[in-house]
Amino acid sequence: MGKGFKDVNIAFAGTHEHSEKIPQWVKANGGIYSRDVTELVTHLVATEAAFTKNVQAVQKAKKLNIRIVTYDWLEDSLMSKTPAPKCVGPYLWERVLKDKRKRQPAKMSSLKNVRQKKQRGVDPEKTLGEFRKGARAIISDMEDLGYHLYVDKDTGVAYTATLVRSSVVNSHFHKETFLARVYETNKSPHTYSAFVKYSRTGASGKDILAPGGSTLDLAVSTFEKFFKTKTGLEWKDRFDDSRGWFTFERPTGILGSLRIDAQSKITDSVAREHMSMANNDSAEGPGLMLEKRTAGSANSPLN
């Protein structure tokens, strides 16, 4: 477990897609998560809706002079090379909203240009090229932070997935793309991180699936859950021809084909091995199975 948040006590206000994960992320990095706003809380992470509506948690935080920050503060802090709280200044909701009001006139004046671009349509190759350029930038950032792509040593499977969906709306081409990856630290003992890069016509962004300092189980499970949510397939079935909401983009070229074939064979082999072991255990009887588990428990990482 990390210690970068050891002096941090965080509460949360509002509704966010990662609301349920925040307590786990904070605790995994040595911090404290509080369900209620008290004088012990150092930071209140709030959604824009919660702040602007001045919900009870926000009111209480203001009375106690607790710093009220955006979700980006938490995400950027967790994704730092060494996860630790960032300076809150740029993330304080009062400052963020003030800057937003200043930018509003400029934003309105650019709407005309945006509409003109939409009317001209979108070049599919250009859209995909921009996504890949952005994805390479994020990969480079992770490498600079001391991470590399996680590859399962037993199966040789690299935990990276590009998911695409294309559609035509009002005679205009639209393409949505996700790049999901699991990363492992270069240094031992290894910790893990998982993120997703999103891109569509006129918008892009990234999101955390599992923050830096996560366990392998957490990073892989969130990655596989995201993959299933978008494709309708289990990660082990990613090479199936079934079509879900989003499609898994297979590696291209001869090397890509060889890699797919090798990974498929390894996955099948591992599945058969587990089935064979299960059948042997059943044939030997429950008494021997219990004896095996008891003998192995001495070396369990939980002991």
Foldseek 3Di string as FASTA:
>chain_A
DAAQAQQAEEEEEDDDPCVVVVQVQQVLRNHHYDPADDLSHQEYEYDPVCCVVVDPRNVVCVVSVHFYFYVVQQQVQLAALRRHGDDRVVGGPVVVVVVVVVCVVVVVVCVVVVVVVVVVADDVVVQVVVQVVVVVVVQVVVVVSQKDFDAPPQQRRTLWWKWKDWDADPNHIKMKIKIKTKIWGPDPPIAIWIKMWIGIVPDIDIDTQHTTSHHPVSRVVSSQVVVCVQAVDGPLCLPDPDGGNIHTDFDDDPVRVVVVVSSNVSSVVVVVVVVVVVVVCVVVPPVVVVVVVVVVVVPDPVD
